[in-house]
Amino acid sequence: MTSKNLYADLPEHLPDELFSTLLTAADVRIERIISRGHASPEGFWYDQDQHEWVIVLRGAARLRLEGEEPPIELRVGDFVNIPAHRRHRVEWTTPNEPTVWLAVFYRALLS
């Protein structure tokens, strides 16, 4: 077993957001997402089959949930849980430094 660091290998130039899967298991997937001034394309909405819990570890971002105003402001340590099929988009990320996200995608537990 080896350890890794979430802040290792942060690219200086990033033409597109960088998604790296850190762990995949039966009902969960953990990703590191790196943004640098990125936003979702105009008119694009994420609509995912799994719930997503996401936290900003570095930088800042603005996340919009469809039908809600204003967008959610996320700074270091802020997190949000997005239910499956809740349409959302990234409106803005810090342009002058990487925004590092940790996203946990999971399936709801059956009761």
N, C-alpha and C. Protein backbone atom coordinates (compact mmCIF):
# COMPACT_ATOMS: atom_id res chain seq x y z
N MET A 1 0.85 -1.17 0.00
CA MET A 1 0.00 0.00 0.00
C MET A 1 0.90 1.24 0.00
N THR A 2 0.58 2.19 -0.87
CA THR A 2 1.33 3.45 -0.92
C THR A 2 0.37 4.61 -0.70
N SER A 3 0.88 5.69 -0.17
CA SER A 3 0.05 6.88 0.01
C SER A 3 0.26 7.82 -1.17
N LYS A 4 -0.70 8.68 -1.37
CA LYS A 4 -0.63 9.69 -2.43
C LYS A 4 -1.08 11.01 -1.84
N ASN A 5 -0.88 12.09 -2.58
CA ASN A 5 -1.24 13.42 -2.10
C ASN A 5 -2.19 14.08 -3.08
N LEU A 6 -3.30 14.61 -2.58
CA LEU A 6 -4.30 15.26 -3.44
C LEU A 6 -3.75 16.49 -4.17
N TYR A 7 -2.71 17.10 -3.61
CA TYR A 7 -2.16 18.32 -4.19
C TYR A 7 -0.96 18.06 -5.09
N ALA A 8 -0.59 16.80 -5.24
CA ALA A 8 0.55 16.46 -6.10
C ALA A 8 0.14 16.59 -7.57
N ASP A 9 1.10 16.98 -8.37
CA ASP A 9 0.92 17.03 -9.82
C ASP A 9 -0.21 17.96 -10.27
N LEU A 10 -0.33 19.12 -9.64
CA LEU A 10 -1.32 20.10 -10.09
C LEU A 10 -0.73 20.81 -11.32
N PRO A 11 -1.37 20.68 -12.47
CA PRO A 11 -0.81 21.29 -13.68
C PRO A 11 -0.89 22.81 -13.66
N GLU A 12 0.13 23.46 -14.21
CA GLU A 12 0.17 24.92 -14.33
C GLU A 12 -0.82 25.39 -15.39
N HIS A 13 -0.81 24.72 -16.53
CA HIS A 13 -1.69 25.06 -17.65
C HIS A 13 -2.70 23.94 -17.81
N LEU A 14 -3.95 24.31 -17.88
CA LEU A 14 -5.01 23.31 -17.87
C LEU A 14 -6.07 23.71 -18.91
N PRO A 15 -5.97 23.17 -20.14
CA PRO A 15 -6.95 23.56 -21.16
C PRO A 15 -8.37 23.10 -20.82
N ASP A 16 -8.51 21.97 -20.14
CA ASP A 16 -9.82 21.44 -19.73
C ASP A 16 -9.74 21.03 -18.27
N GLU A 17 -10.89 20.94 -17.62
CA GLU A 17 -10.91 20.41 -16.25
C GLU A 17 -10.30 19.02 -16.26
N LEU A 18 -9.65 18.68 -15.16
CA LEU A 18 -8.99 17.38 -15.03
C LEU A 18 -9.72 16.54 -13.99
N PHE A 19 -10.23 15.38 -14.41
CA PHE A 19 -10.95 14.45 -13.54
C PHE A 19 -10.08 13.22 -13.33
N SER A 20 -9.77 12.90 -12.08
CA SER A 20 -8.96 11.73 -11.75
C SER A 20 -9.72 10.87 -10.74
N THR A 21 -9.99 9.61 -11.11
CA THR A 21 -10.65 8.70 -10.19
C THR A 21 -9.63 8.20 -9.18
N LEU A 22 -9.93 8.39 -7.90
CA LEU A 22 -9.02 7.98 -6.83
C LEU A 22 -9.40 6.62 -6.27
N LEU A 23 -10.71 6.31 -6.27
CA LEU A 23 -11.18 5.06 -5.71
C LEU A 23 -12.52 4.71 -6.34
N THR A 24 -12.67 3.44 -6.67
CA THR A 24 -13.94 2.92 -7.13
C THR A 24 -14.25 1.67 -6.32
N ALA A 25 -15.48 1.59 -5.81
CA ALA A 25 -15.94 0.42 -5.07
C ALA A 25 -17.37 0.14 -5.52
N ALA A 26 -18.01 -0.82 -4.90
CA ALA A 26 -19.34 -1.27 -5.33
C ALA A 26 -20.32 -0.12 -5.52
N ASP A 27 -20.48 0.72 -4.53
CA ASP A 27 -21.49 1.78 -4.59
C ASP A 27 -20.93 3.18 -4.44
N VAL A 28 -19.62 3.33 -4.64
CA VAL A 28 -19.01 4.64 -4.45
C VAL A 28 -17.85 4.84 -5.43
N ARG A 29 -17.68 6.10 -5.84
CA ARG A 29 -16.54 6.51 -6.66
C ARG A 29 -16.06 7.84 -6.11
N ILE A 30 -14.75 7.98 -5.88
CA ILE A 30 -14.18 9.22 -5.39
C ILE A 30 -13.27 9.80 -6.47
N GLU A 31 -13.48 11.08 -6.78
CA GLU A 31 -12.70 11.74 -7.82
C GLU A 31 -12.05 13.01 -7.28
N ARG A 32 -10.88 13.30 -7.80
CA ARG A 32 -10.26 14.62 -7.62
C ARG A 32 -10.54 15.36 -8.92
N ILE A 33 -11.05 16.57 -8.79
CA ILE A 33 -11.33 17.42 -9.96
C ILE A 33 -10.49 18.67 -9.81
N ILE A 34 -9.80 19.04 -10.87
CA ILE A 34 -9.01 20.27 -10.86
C ILE A 34 -9.56 21.20 -11.93
N SER A 35 -9.90 22.42 -11.52
CA SER A 35 -10.39 23.45 -12.42
C SER A 35 -9.47 24.66 -12.30
N ARG A 36 -9.39 25.42 -13.35
CA ARG A 36 -8.61 26.67 -13.31
C ARG A 36 -9.30 27.65 -14.25
N GLY A 37 -10.29 28.35 -13.71
CA GLY A 37 -11.05 29.28 -14.53
C GLY A 37 -12.06 28.58 -15.43
N HIS A 38 -12.35 27.33 -15.17
CA HIS A 38 -13.29 26.59 -16.00
C HIS A 38 -14.73 26.77 -15.52
N ALA A 39 -15.65 26.56 -16.44
CA ALA A 39 -17.08 26.56 -16.15
C ALA A 39 -17.73 25.59 -17.12
N SER A 40 -18.92 25.14 -16.77
CA SER A 40 -19.65 24.26 -17.68
C SER A 40 -19.99 25.03 -18.96
N PRO A 41 -19.99 24.35 -20.11
CA PRO A 41 -20.37 25.03 -21.35
C PRO A 41 -21.78 25.61 -21.26
N GLU A 42 -22.01 26.68 -21.97
CA GLU A 42 -23.32 27.33 -22.00
C GLU A 42 -24.41 26.31 -22.34
N GLY A 43 -25.44 26.25 -21.52
CA GLY A 43 -26.56 25.35 -21.77
C GLY A 43 -26.35 23.92 -21.29
N PHE A 44 -25.15 23.60 -20.80
CA PHE A 44 -24.87 22.23 -20.34
C PHE A 44 -25.23 22.08 -18.87
N TRP A 45 -25.87 20.96 -18.54
CA TRP A 45 -26.22 20.62 -17.15
C TRP A 45 -25.78 19.19 -16.87
N TYR A 46 -25.14 18.99 -15.73
CA TYR A 46 -24.87 17.62 -15.27
C TYR A 46 -26.20 17.04 -14.79
N ASP A 47 -26.44 15.78 -15.14
CA ASP A 47 -27.63 15.04 -14.71
C ASP A 47 -27.16 13.61 -14.47
N GLN A 48 -26.81 13.30 -13.24
CA GLN A 48 -26.11 12.06 -12.92
C GLN A 48 -27.01 11.04 -12.25
N ASP A 49 -26.69 9.77 -12.46
CA ASP A 49 -27.45 8.67 -11.87
C ASP A 49 -27.14 8.47 -10.38
N GLN A 50 -26.01 8.98 -9.93
CA GLN A 50 -25.61 8.82 -8.53
C GLN A 50 -25.70 10.16 -7.81
N HIS A 51 -25.82 10.10 -6.49
CA HIS A 51 -25.72 11.30 -5.66
C HIS A 51 -24.25 11.75 -5.70
N GLU A 52 -24.04 13.04 -5.48
CA GLU A 52 -22.66 13.57 -5.45
C GLU A 52 -22.49 14.48 -4.24
N TRP A 53 -21.52 14.13 -3.40
CA TRP A 53 -21.09 14.99 -2.31
C TRP A 53 -19.76 15.57 -2.75
N VAL A 54 -19.66 16.90 -2.77
CA VAL A 54 -18.45 17.54 -3.27
C VAL A 54 -17.99 18.63 -2.30
N ILE A 55 -16.66 18.72 -2.12
CA ILE A 55 -16.06 19.73 -1.25
C ILE A 55 -14.95 20.44 -2.03
N VAL A 56 -14.81 21.74 -1.79
CA VAL A 56 -13.70 22.50 -2.37
C VAL A 56 -12.57 22.49 -1.36
N LEU A 57 -11.41 21.98 -1.79
CA LEU A 57 -10.24 21.89 -0.92
C LEU A 57 -9.26 23.04 -1.15
N ARG A 58 -9.34 23.67 -2.31
CA ARG A 58 -8.45 24.78 -2.66
C ARG A 58 -9.15 25.60 -3.72
N GLY A 59 -8.96 26.91 -3.69
CA GLY A 59 -9.60 27.78 -4.68
C GLY A 59 -11.03 28.12 -4.28
N ALA A 60 -11.85 28.39 -5.28
CA ALA A 60 -13.25 28.74 -5.05
C ALA A 60 -14.05 28.43 -6.31
N ALA A 61 -15.36 28.34 -6.13
CA ALA A 61 -16.22 28.00 -7.27
C ALA A 61 -17.63 28.53 -7.03
N ARG A 62 -18.38 28.58 -8.11
CA ARG A 62 -19.80 28.89 -8.06
C ARG A 62 -20.55 27.76 -8.75
N LEU A 63 -21.50 27.18 -8.04
CA LEU A 63 -22.26 26.04 -8.55
C LEU A 63 -23.72 26.45 -8.65
N ARG A 64 -24.35 26.17 -9.78
CA ARG A 64 -25.76 26.51 -9.96
C ARG A 64 -26.59 25.23 -10.01
N LEU A 65 -27.66 25.20 -9.21
CA LEU A 65 -28.65 24.13 -9.29
C LEU A 65 -29.80 24.65 -10.14
N GLU A 66 -30.26 23.85 -11.07
CA GLU A 66 -31.30 24.30 -11.99
C GLU A 66 -32.52 24.79 -11.21
N GLY A 67 -33.00 25.98 -11.57
CA GLY A 67 -34.19 26.55 -10.95
C GLY A 67 -33.94 27.28 -9.65
N GLU A 68 -32.70 27.36 -9.20
CA GLU A 68 -32.39 28.06 -7.95
C GLU A 68 -31.53 29.28 -8.19
N GLU A 69 -31.83 30.34 -7.51
CA GLU A 69 -31.06 31.57 -7.54
C GLU A 69 -30.74 31.95 -6.11
N PRO A 70 -29.65 32.56 -5.81
CA PRO A 70 -28.45 32.71 -6.63
C PRO A 70 -27.65 31.41 -6.65
N PRO A 71 -26.55 31.38 -7.41
CA PRO A 71 -25.69 30.20 -7.38
C PRO A 71 -25.07 30.01 -6.00
N ILE A 72 -24.62 28.80 -5.73
CA ILE A 72 -23.98 28.47 -4.46
C ILE A 72 -22.51 28.85 -4.55
N GLU A 73 -22.07 29.70 -3.62
CA GLU A 73 -20.66 30.10 -3.54
C GLU A 73 -19.93 29.07 -2.70
N LEU A 74 -18.86 28.50 -3.23
CA LEU A 74 -18.07 27.51 -2.52
C LEU A 74 -16.65 28.01 -2.35
N ARG A 75 -16.19 28.04 -1.11
CA ARG A 75 -14.81 28.40 -0.79
C ARG A 75 -14.18 27.20 -0.08
N VAL A 76 -12.92 27.31 0.24
CA VAL A 76 -12.20 26.21 0.88
C VAL A 76 -12.99 25.69 2.08
N GLY A 77 -13.24 24.39 2.08
CA GLY A 77 -13.96 23.75 3.17
C GLY A 77 -15.46 23.66 2.97
N ASP A 78 -16.01 24.41 2.02
CA ASP A 78 -17.45 24.35 1.76
C ASP A 78 -17.78 23.09 0.97
N PHE A 79 -18.90 22.46 1.34
CA PHE A 79 -19.33 21.27 0.61
C PHE A 79 -20.83 21.30 0.39
N VAL A 80 -21.26 20.48 -0.55
CA VAL A 80 -22.67 20.39 -0.89
C VAL A 80 -22.97 18.95 -1.31
N ASN A 81 -24.18 18.51 -1.02
CA ASN A 81 -24.63 17.19 -1.45
C ASN A 81 -25.68 17.40 -2.54
N ILE A 82 -25.45 16.79 -3.69
CA ILE A 82 -26.34 16.96 -4.84
C ILE A 82 -27.04 15.63 -5.09
N PRO A 83 -28.36 15.58 -4.92
CA PRO A 83 -29.08 14.32 -5.15
C PRO A 83 -28.97 13.88 -6.62
N ALA A 84 -29.09 12.58 -6.83
CA ALA A 84 -29.08 12.03 -8.18
C ALA A 84 -30.15 12.75 -9.03
N HIS A 85 -29.81 13.01 -10.26
CA HIS A 85 -30.67 13.66 -11.26
C HIS A 85 -31.06 15.10 -10.91
N ARG A 86 -30.37 15.70 -9.96
CA ARG A 86 -30.54 17.13 -9.68
C ARG A 86 -29.62 17.86 -10.64
N ARG A 87 -30.21 18.50 -11.63
CA ARG A 87 -29.39 19.14 -12.66
C ARG A 87 -28.61 20.31 -12.06
N HIS A 88 -27.32 20.36 -12.42
CA HIS A 88 -26.43 21.39 -11.88
C HIS A 88 -25.32 21.68 -12.88
N ARG A 89 -24.66 22.79 -12.67
CA ARG A 89 -23.56 23.21 -13.54
C ARG A 89 -22.57 24.05 -12.76
N VAL A 90 -21.35 24.08 -13.24
CA VAL A 90 -20.31 24.94 -12.65
C VAL A 90 -20.37 26.27 -13.38
N GLU A 91 -20.62 27.34 -12.64
CA GLU A 91 -20.72 28.68 -13.24
C GLU A 91 -19.36 29.37 -13.34
N TRP A 92 -18.46 29.07 -12.38
CA TRP A 92 -17.19 29.81 -12.31
C TRP A 92 -16.25 29.08 -11.38
N THR A 93 -14.96 29.11 -11.69
CA THR A 93 -13.92 28.67 -10.77
C THR A 93 -12.79 29.69 -10.80
N THR A 94 -12.01 29.72 -9.74
CA THR A 94 -10.92 30.68 -9.60
C THR A 94 -9.99 30.62 -10.82
N PRO A 95 -9.77 31.74 -11.49
CA PRO A 95 -8.94 31.72 -12.70
C PRO A 95 -7.44 31.76 -12.45
N ASN A 96 -7.00 32.30 -11.30
CA ASN A 96 -5.57 32.52 -11.09
C ASN A 96 -4.89 31.46 -10.22
N GLU A 97 -5.64 30.42 -9.84
CA GLU A 97 -5.06 29.29 -9.10
C GLU A 97 -5.96 28.08 -9.33
N PRO A 98 -5.43 26.90 -9.12
CA PRO A 98 -6.28 25.72 -9.29
C PRO A 98 -7.37 25.66 -8.22
N THR A 99 -8.55 25.26 -8.64
CA THR A 99 -9.60 24.89 -7.69
C THR A 99 -9.56 23.37 -7.62
N VAL A 100 -9.33 22.85 -6.43
CA VAL A 100 -9.25 21.40 -6.22
C VAL A 100 -10.52 20.96 -5.50
N TRP A 101 -11.25 20.06 -6.13
CA TRP A 101 -12.49 19.51 -5.59
C TRP A 101 -12.24 18.05 -5.23
N LEU A 102 -12.97 17.57 -4.24
CA LEU A 102 -13.04 16.15 -3.97
C LEU A 102 -14.52 15.79 -4.10
N ALA A 103 -14.82 14.88 -5.02
CA ALA A 103 -16.22 14.50 -5.27
C ALA A 103 -16.40 13.03 -4.92
N VAL A 104 -17.46 12.76 -4.18
CA VAL A 104 -17.81 11.39 -3.80
C VAL A 104 -19.17 11.10 -4.42
N PHE A 105 -19.18 10.16 -5.35
CA PHE A 105 -20.41 9.73 -6.02
C PHE A 105 -20.87 8.45 -5.36
N TYR A 106 -22.14 8.39 -4.99
CA TYR A 106 -22.62 7.22 -4.26
C TYR A 106 -24.07 6.93 -4.60
N ARG A 107 -24.45 5.69 -4.39
CA ARG A 107 -25.82 5.26 -4.59
C ARG A 107 -26.51 5.28 -3.23
N ALA A 108 -27.77 5.68 -3.21
CA ALA A 108 -28.50 5.73 -1.96
C ALA A 108 -28.62 4.34 -1.35
N LEU A 109 -28.47 4.27 -0.04
CA LEU A 109 -28.63 3.00 0.67
C LEU A 109 -30.09 2.62 0.72
N LEU A 110 -30.37 1.36 0.54
CA LEU A 110 -31.75 0.88 0.65
C LEU A 110 -32.11 0.68 2.10
N SER A 111 -33.32 1.04 2.47
CA SER A 111 -33.70 0.87 3.87
C SER A 111 -34.58 -0.35 4.06
